[in-house]
Amino acid sequence: MNPPGNCWTSSRSACPSSLQLLQLELAVGRGETERAADLSATLRKSPEDPRLIGPLHACLAEQALNADDLAGAAVEVIDGLAALAGAALAEEEIRLLAAGARLAADLALLPSSARPRDIPNGWEQLAATFTEKTRGIVAEHGEGQPDLAAFGAMVAAEDARRLGRDTRATWRVAAEAWRTAGWPHREAYARFREAAAAIKAGRREQAIRALAACQDLAQELQATPLLTQARDLSQRARLAVRAAKPARSAEPGARFDLTDREVEVLVRLVEGDSNRQIARALFISDRTVAVHVSRILDKLGVRNRTEAATVGARLGLSAGPAETIR
């Protein structure tokens, strides 16, 4: 079984910066602004490396989009793409293109009077290249790469939204692509947009089902910004959406046949803990931790702790800053 891909190449060895990027993505998805600020400040002090800087700018662009800071998102996308210029890093670039396409759609749907006045110069010219660049990346590197295919579907859907042509089907394609790639948070976002497209088409029952799917995924991941957006959409459209299912901490483990203890160890891997730190946190021996880690790698079909942490992060596993033992 091939290891799941991630925002930065999965063959990369474990290092503090890559684990901090995973933690930053979790913090952004959950709306933990203070933790995200601390992590991004630490990452900005790391050596200049496009493999680090690209995903960092993408995370910060997504955080700005969640906060409706469209000008801030534009700055992050522009700076991130500039940092990647000439680096030939397909996954890092396409993620920034996807954030940029989402921003372009958000801006296009605003009345001119509400458009931010501090969008950087040159944004329009740059945004006009996003769709074509994405197609080129998918055509050249997409075979056997579900992450790239999913980002490609996302950019196509956002471009259709920008033009007012997105439909339920457009977003269902993106959602299924994210399901295949194993990114539940992005699948939830696509379901949210599917619901909005269904409302626009007058398909209320379909909108209710899509929004319920979004909420179930977002609740599982504790994705507060997305849950807030889903609730606001439901209220504006007066949809009778059932309450999201309570989060079930055991479900991520069930997907990979992990025991409860293995889930606890995986949470600590996402936090970047060493075997000794995990042993201290869970009151078990270092040797027992090593056995659990070995079994986790085998069950997830990954090669190292960083890849395991990536899978855990995508599943929304995190001990949270207050619980992490250092």
Protein backbone atom coordinates (compact mmCIF):
# COMPACT_ATOMS: atom_id res chain seq x y z
CA MET A 1 0.00 0.00 0.00
CA ASN A 2 1.37 3.38 -0.98
CA PRO A 3 1.57 5.98 1.79
CA PRO A 4 -1.03 8.73 1.64
CA GLY A 5 0.27 11.94 0.10
CA ASN A 6 0.40 15.24 1.88
CA CYS A 7 0.99 18.95 1.25
CA TRP A 8 4.72 18.42 1.23
CA THR A 9 6.35 15.29 -0.21
CA SER A 10 5.59 12.19 1.82
CA SER A 11 9.08 10.76 1.41
CA ARG A 12 10.53 13.59 3.42
CA SER A 13 12.12 12.51 6.68
CA ALA A 14 10.68 13.46 10.04
CA CYS A 15 11.70 16.91 11.23
CA PRO A 16 10.29 19.49 13.63
CA SER A 17 9.23 21.88 10.88
CA SER A 18 7.12 19.32 8.99
CA LEU A 19 5.37 18.30 12.20
CA GLN A 20 4.76 21.95 13.06
CA LEU A 21 3.20 22.44 9.62
CA LEU A 22 0.80 19.59 10.39
CA GLN A 23 -0.03 21.19 13.72
CA LEU A 24 -0.55 24.56 12.01
CA GLU A 25 -2.97 23.03 9.52
CA LEU A 26 -4.96 21.50 12.38
CA ALA A 27 -5.01 24.82 14.25
CA VAL A 28 -6.19 26.70 11.17
CA GLY A 29 -8.91 24.14 10.44
CA ARG A 30 -10.14 24.35 14.01
CA GLY A 31 -10.01 28.12 14.25
CA GLU A 32 -7.36 28.08 16.99
CA THR A 33 -5.98 31.49 16.09
CA GLU A 34 -3.54 31.92 18.98
CA ARG A 35 -1.96 28.53 18.44
CA ALA A 36 -1.80 29.13 14.70
CA ALA A 37 -0.05 32.46 15.32
CA ASP A 38 2.51 30.82 17.60
CA LEU A 39 3.22 28.02 15.14
CA SER A 40 3.48 30.32 12.12
CA ALA A 41 5.85 32.64 14.02
CA THR A 42 8.07 29.66 14.81
CA LEU A 43 7.97 28.40 11.24
CA ARG A 44 8.88 31.81 9.83
CA LYS A 45 12.14 31.57 11.76
CA SER A 46 13.08 28.34 9.96
CA PRO A 47 15.62 28.37 7.12
CA GLU A 48 14.23 29.57 3.80
CA ASP A 49 12.99 26.42 2.08
CA PRO A 50 10.25 26.48 -0.60
CA ARG A 51 8.99 23.10 0.66
CA LEU A 52 8.29 24.79 3.99
CA ILE A 53 7.42 28.33 2.92
CA GLY A 54 4.90 27.26 0.26
CA PRO A 55 2.67 25.22 2.63
CA LEU A 56 3.09 27.87 5.33
CA HIS A 57 1.71 30.60 3.06
CA ALA A 58 -1.08 28.25 1.92
CA CYS A 59 -2.13 27.60 5.53
CA LEU A 60 -2.09 31.30 6.31
CA ALA A 61 -4.07 32.10 3.15
CA GLU A 62 -6.72 29.57 4.20
CA GLN A 63 -6.81 31.07 7.69
CA ALA A 64 -7.32 34.54 6.21
CA LEU A 65 -10.11 33.23 3.98
CA ASN A 66 -11.84 31.69 7.00
CA ALA A 67 -11.68 35.10 8.68
CA ASP A 68 -12.93 36.95 5.55
CA ASP A 69 -9.61 38.78 5.36
CA LEU A 70 -9.48 38.69 1.57
CA ALA A 71 -6.63 41.16 1.21
CA GLY A 72 -4.56 39.19 3.70
CA ALA A 73 -5.27 35.98 1.79
CA ALA A 74 -4.15 37.62 -1.45
CA VAL A 75 -0.84 38.65 0.12
CA GLU A 76 -0.21 35.08 1.33
CA VAL A 77 -0.99 33.55 -2.07
CA ILE A 78 1.20 36.06 -3.90
CA ASP A 79 4.10 35.65 -1.47
CA GLY A 80 3.78 31.87 -1.48
CA LEU A 81 3.83 31.58 -5.26
CA ALA A 82 6.79 33.96 -5.41
CA ALA A 83 8.66 31.75 -2.92
CA LEU A 84 8.01 28.71 -5.12
CA ALA A 85 9.08 30.38 -8.37
CA GLY A 86 11.40 28.02 -10.22
CA ALA A 87 11.25 25.36 -7.49
CA ALA A 88 9.17 22.82 -9.48
CA LEU A 89 7.21 21.69 -6.41
CA ALA A 90 3.86 20.60 -7.82
CA GLU A 91 1.99 19.80 -4.61
CA GLU A 92 3.02 22.99 -2.85
CA GLU A 93 2.14 25.13 -5.87
CA ILE A 94 -1.26 23.57 -6.57
CA ARG A 95 -2.36 24.08 -2.98
CA LEU A 96 -1.61 27.79 -3.26
CA LEU A 97 -3.43 27.89 -6.61
CA ALA A 98 -6.47 26.33 -4.94
CA ALA A 99 -6.43 28.94 -2.18
CA GLY A 100 -6.07 31.62 -4.83
CA ALA A 101 -8.97 30.23 -6.86
CA ARG A 102 -11.18 30.26 -3.75
CA LEU A 103 -10.20 33.86 -3.09
CA ALA A 104 -10.87 34.85 -6.71
CA ALA A 105 -14.36 33.37 -6.45
CA ASP A 106 -15.05 35.14 -3.14
CA LEU A 107 -13.96 38.46 -4.63
CA ALA A 108 -15.99 38.01 -7.82
CA LEU A 109 -19.18 37.44 -5.82
CA LEU A 110 -18.79 40.65 -3.81
CA PRO A 111 -20.50 43.84 -4.95
CA SER A 112 -17.94 46.40 -6.09
CA SER A 113 -18.64 48.58 -3.07
CA ALA A 114 -17.69 45.73 -0.71
CA ARG A 115 -14.49 44.75 -2.48
CA PRO A 116 -11.40 45.34 -0.29
CA ARG A 117 -9.42 48.37 -1.40
CA ASP A 118 -6.08 46.93 -0.31
CA ILE A 119 -5.89 43.95 -2.67
CA PRO A 120 -2.27 43.98 -3.92
CA ASN A 121 -1.49 45.33 -7.36
CA GLY A 122 -1.16 42.61 -9.97
CA TRP A 123 -3.66 40.29 -8.30
CA GLU A 124 -6.05 40.19 -11.27
CA GLN A 125 -3.30 39.25 -13.72
CA LEU A 126 -1.99 36.54 -11.41
CA ALA A 127 -5.45 35.14 -10.67
CA ALA A 128 -6.13 34.79 -14.37
CA THR A 129 -3.37 32.17 -14.57
CA PHE A 130 -4.57 29.86 -11.77
CA THR A 131 -6.81 27.55 -13.78
CA GLU A 132 -4.34 27.02 -16.62
CA LYS A 133 -1.44 26.43 -14.24
CA THR A 134 -3.50 23.89 -12.32
CA ARG A 135 -4.40 22.00 -15.47
CA GLY A 136 -0.74 21.88 -16.41
CA ILE A 137 0.29 20.48 -13.03
CA VAL A 138 -2.43 17.81 -13.08
CA ALA A 139 -1.60 16.84 -16.67
CA GLU A 140 2.12 16.51 -15.93
CA HIS A 141 2.11 15.08 -12.41
CA GLY A 142 -1.44 13.94 -11.66
CA GLU A 143 -1.30 10.29 -12.69
CA GLY A 144 -1.50 8.15 -9.57
CA GLN A 145 -1.56 11.28 -7.35
CA PRO A 146 -5.04 11.63 -5.81
CA ASP A 147 -4.04 14.78 -3.93
CA LEU A 148 -3.21 16.60 -7.16
CA ALA A 149 -6.39 15.34 -8.80
CA ALA A 150 -8.44 16.61 -5.85
CA PHE A 151 -6.79 20.03 -5.88
CA GLY A 152 -7.41 20.13 -9.64
CA ALA A 153 -11.11 19.41 -9.11
CA MET A 154 -11.23 22.07 -6.41
CA VAL A 155 -9.69 24.76 -8.63
CA ALA A 156 -12.13 23.87 -11.44
CA ALA A 157 -15.06 24.12 -9.01
CA GLU A 158 -13.89 27.45 -7.59
CA ASP A 159 -13.42 28.82 -11.10
CA ALA A 160 -16.97 27.77 -11.95
CA ARG A 161 -18.17 29.50 -8.75
CA ARG A 162 -16.30 32.65 -9.78
CA LEU A 163 -18.21 32.64 -13.07
CA GLY A 164 -21.53 31.79 -11.39
CA ARG A 165 -21.65 28.42 -13.16
CA ASP A 166 -21.01 25.98 -10.32
CA THR A 167 -23.61 23.29 -9.68
CA ARG A 168 -24.21 20.51 -7.19
CA ALA A 169 -22.48 18.15 -9.60
CA THR A 170 -19.41 20.41 -9.79
CA TRP A 171 -18.91 20.25 -6.04
CA ARG A 172 -19.83 16.59 -5.71
CA VAL A 173 -16.94 15.77 -8.05
CA ALA A 174 -14.61 17.78 -5.82
CA ALA A 175 -15.99 16.17 -2.65
CA GLU A 176 -15.53 12.66 -4.01
CA ALA A 177 -12.00 13.52 -5.12
CA TRP A 178 -11.18 14.64 -1.58
CA ARG A 179 -12.74 11.50 -0.16
CA THR A 180 -10.50 9.41 -2.41
CA ALA A 181 -7.45 11.45 -1.42
CA GLY A 182 -8.29 11.10 2.28
CA TRP A 183 -8.78 14.76 3.22
CA PRO A 184 -12.03 14.89 5.25
CA HIS A 185 -11.73 18.61 6.03
CA ARG A 186 -11.55 19.53 2.36
CA GLU A 187 -14.34 17.08 1.57
CA ALA A 188 -16.47 18.89 4.17
CA TYR A 189 -15.72 22.24 2.51
CA ALA A 190 -16.78 20.85 -0.88
CA ARG A 191 -20.02 19.55 0.67
CA PHE A 192 -20.65 23.04 2.05
CA ARG A 193 -20.27 24.51 -1.42
CA GLU A 194 -22.46 21.73 -2.85
CA ALA A 195 -25.20 22.79 -0.42
CA ALA A 196 -24.86 26.43 -1.47
CA ALA A 197 -25.12 25.45 -5.15
CA ALA A 198 -28.20 23.34 -4.41
CA ILE A 199 -29.84 26.28 -2.63
CA LYS A 200 -29.11 28.51 -5.62
CA ALA A 201 -30.83 25.94 -7.86
CA GLY A 202 -33.85 25.66 -5.56
CA ARG A 203 -33.01 22.07 -4.55
CA ARG A 204 -33.65 22.33 -0.84
CA GLU A 205 -33.67 18.61 -0.02
CA GLN A 206 -30.34 18.11 -1.76
CA ALA A 207 -28.99 21.16 0.07
CA ILE A 208 -30.06 19.70 3.40
CA ARG A 209 -28.31 16.40 2.68
CA ALA A 210 -25.10 18.10 1.53
CA LEU A 211 -25.03 20.44 4.50
CA ALA A 212 -25.65 17.56 6.92
CA ALA A 213 -22.70 15.68 5.37
CA CYS A 214 -20.56 18.81 5.76
CA GLN A 215 -21.54 19.22 9.39
CA ASP A 216 -20.91 15.57 10.26
CA LEU A 217 -17.39 15.72 8.86
CA ALA A 218 -16.64 19.12 10.36
CA GLN A 219 -17.95 18.09 13.77
CA GLU A 220 -15.72 15.02 13.72
CA LEU A 221 -12.72 17.24 12.99
CA GLN A 222 -13.73 20.02 15.40
CA ALA A 223 -13.54 22.40 12.43
CA THR A 224 -15.19 25.40 14.07
CA PRO A 225 -14.87 27.89 11.17
CA LEU A 226 -16.53 25.50 8.74
CA LEU A 227 -19.25 24.60 11.25
CA THR A 228 -19.97 28.30 11.68
CA GLN A 229 -20.22 28.80 7.92
CA ALA A 230 -22.56 25.81 7.62
CA ARG A 231 -24.78 27.09 10.42
CA ASP A 232 -24.95 30.57 8.88
CA LEU A 233 -25.86 29.14 5.46
CA SER A 234 -28.58 26.99 7.03
CA GLN A 235 -30.04 30.00 8.83
CA ARG A 236 -29.95 32.25 5.77
CA ALA A 237 -31.67 29.63 3.62
CA ARG A 238 -33.99 28.55 6.45
CA LEU A 239 -33.01 24.92 6.03
CA ALA A 240 -34.18 22.39 8.60
CA VAL A 241 -30.82 20.62 8.88
CA ARG A 242 -30.58 17.98 11.58
CA ALA A 243 -28.01 18.54 14.29
CA ALA A 244 -24.53 17.26 13.47
CA LYS A 245 -23.65 13.94 15.01
CA PRO A 246 -21.51 14.17 18.14
CA ALA A 247 -17.80 13.74 17.52
CA ARG A 248 -16.72 10.13 17.95
CA SER A 249 -13.08 9.94 18.93
CA ALA A 250 -12.91 6.21 18.24
CA GLU A 251 -13.99 6.50 14.60
CA PRO A 252 -10.59 7.53 13.15
CA GLY A 253 -9.10 4.44 14.75
CA ALA A 254 -11.87 2.24 13.40
CA ARG A 255 -11.09 3.32 9.86
CA PHE A 256 -7.65 1.75 10.15
CA ASP A 257 -8.41 -0.94 12.75
CA LEU A 258 -6.40 0.93 15.38
CA THR A 259 -6.90 0.09 19.04
CA ASP A 260 -7.78 2.86 21.50
CA ARG A 261 -4.19 2.87 22.77
CA GLU A 262 -2.83 3.09 19.22
CA VAL A 263 -5.08 6.09 18.59
CA GLU A 264 -3.64 7.73 21.72
CA VAL A 265 -0.11 7.09 20.46
CA LEU A 266 -0.99 8.42 17.00
CA VAL A 267 -2.33 11.62 18.59
CA ARG A 268 1.08 12.08 20.22
CA LEU A 269 2.84 11.46 16.90
CA VAL A 270 0.79 14.28 15.40
CA GLU A 271 2.02 16.46 18.26
CA GLY A 272 5.62 15.54 17.39
CA ASP A 273 6.37 13.72 20.65
CA SER A 274 9.30 11.34 20.96
CA ASN A 275 8.83 7.80 22.26
CA ARG A 276 10.00 8.91 25.68
CA GLN A 277 7.53 11.79 25.76
CA ILE A 278 4.73 9.47 24.67
CA ALA A 279 5.68 7.01 27.38
CA ARG A 280 5.54 9.76 30.01
CA ALA A 281 2.19 11.05 28.76
CA LEU A 282 0.53 7.63 28.64
CA PHE A 283 2.31 6.06 31.63
CA ILE A 284 3.76 3.17 29.65
CA SER A 285 7.30 2.03 28.88
CA ASP A 286 9.44 3.25 25.99
CA ARG A 287 9.54 -0.31 24.65
CA THR A 288 5.74 -0.53 24.64
CA VAL A 289 5.56 2.77 22.76
CA ALA A 290 7.97 1.43 20.13
CA VAL A 291 5.74 -1.62 19.63
CA HIS A 292 2.65 0.58 19.24
CA VAL A 293 4.41 2.86 16.75
CA SER A 294 5.50 -0.12 14.66
CA ARG A 295 1.94 -1.46 14.56
CA ILE A 296 0.54 1.96 13.67
CA LEU A 297 2.93 2.31 10.72
CA ASP A 298 1.91 -1.13 9.50
CA LYS A 299 -1.83 -0.49 9.81
CA LEU A 300 -1.66 2.91 8.14
CA GLY A 301 0.58 1.59 5.37
CA VAL A 302 3.19 4.31 5.89
CA ARG A 303 6.96 4.26 6.24
CA ASN A 304 7.79 6.63 9.05
CA ARG A 305 6.49 8.75 11.91
CA THR A 306 6.01 11.85 9.75
CA GLU A 307 3.78 9.99 7.32
CA ALA A 308 1.81 8.53 10.24
CA ALA A 309 1.45 12.03 11.71
CA THR A 310 0.15 13.28 8.35
CA VAL A 311 -2.59 10.64 8.33
CA GLY A 312 -3.45 11.47 11.94
CA ALA A 313 -3.62 15.19 11.19
CA ARG A 314 -5.96 14.61 8.28
CA LEU A 315 -8.21 12.63 10.61
CA GLY A 316 -8.28 15.60 12.96
CA LEU A 317 -6.32 13.94 15.76
CA SER A 318 -4.66 16.36 18.15
CA ALA A 319 -4.03 16.43 21.87
CA GLY A 320 -4.32 20.22 21.88
CA PRO A 321 -1.70 22.64 23.21
CA ALA A 322 -2.66 22.23 26.83
CA GLU A 323 -2.19 18.47 26.82
CA THR A 324 1.07 18.22 24.95
CA ILE A 325 3.95 17.14 27.20
CA ARG A 326 7.34 18.61 26.46
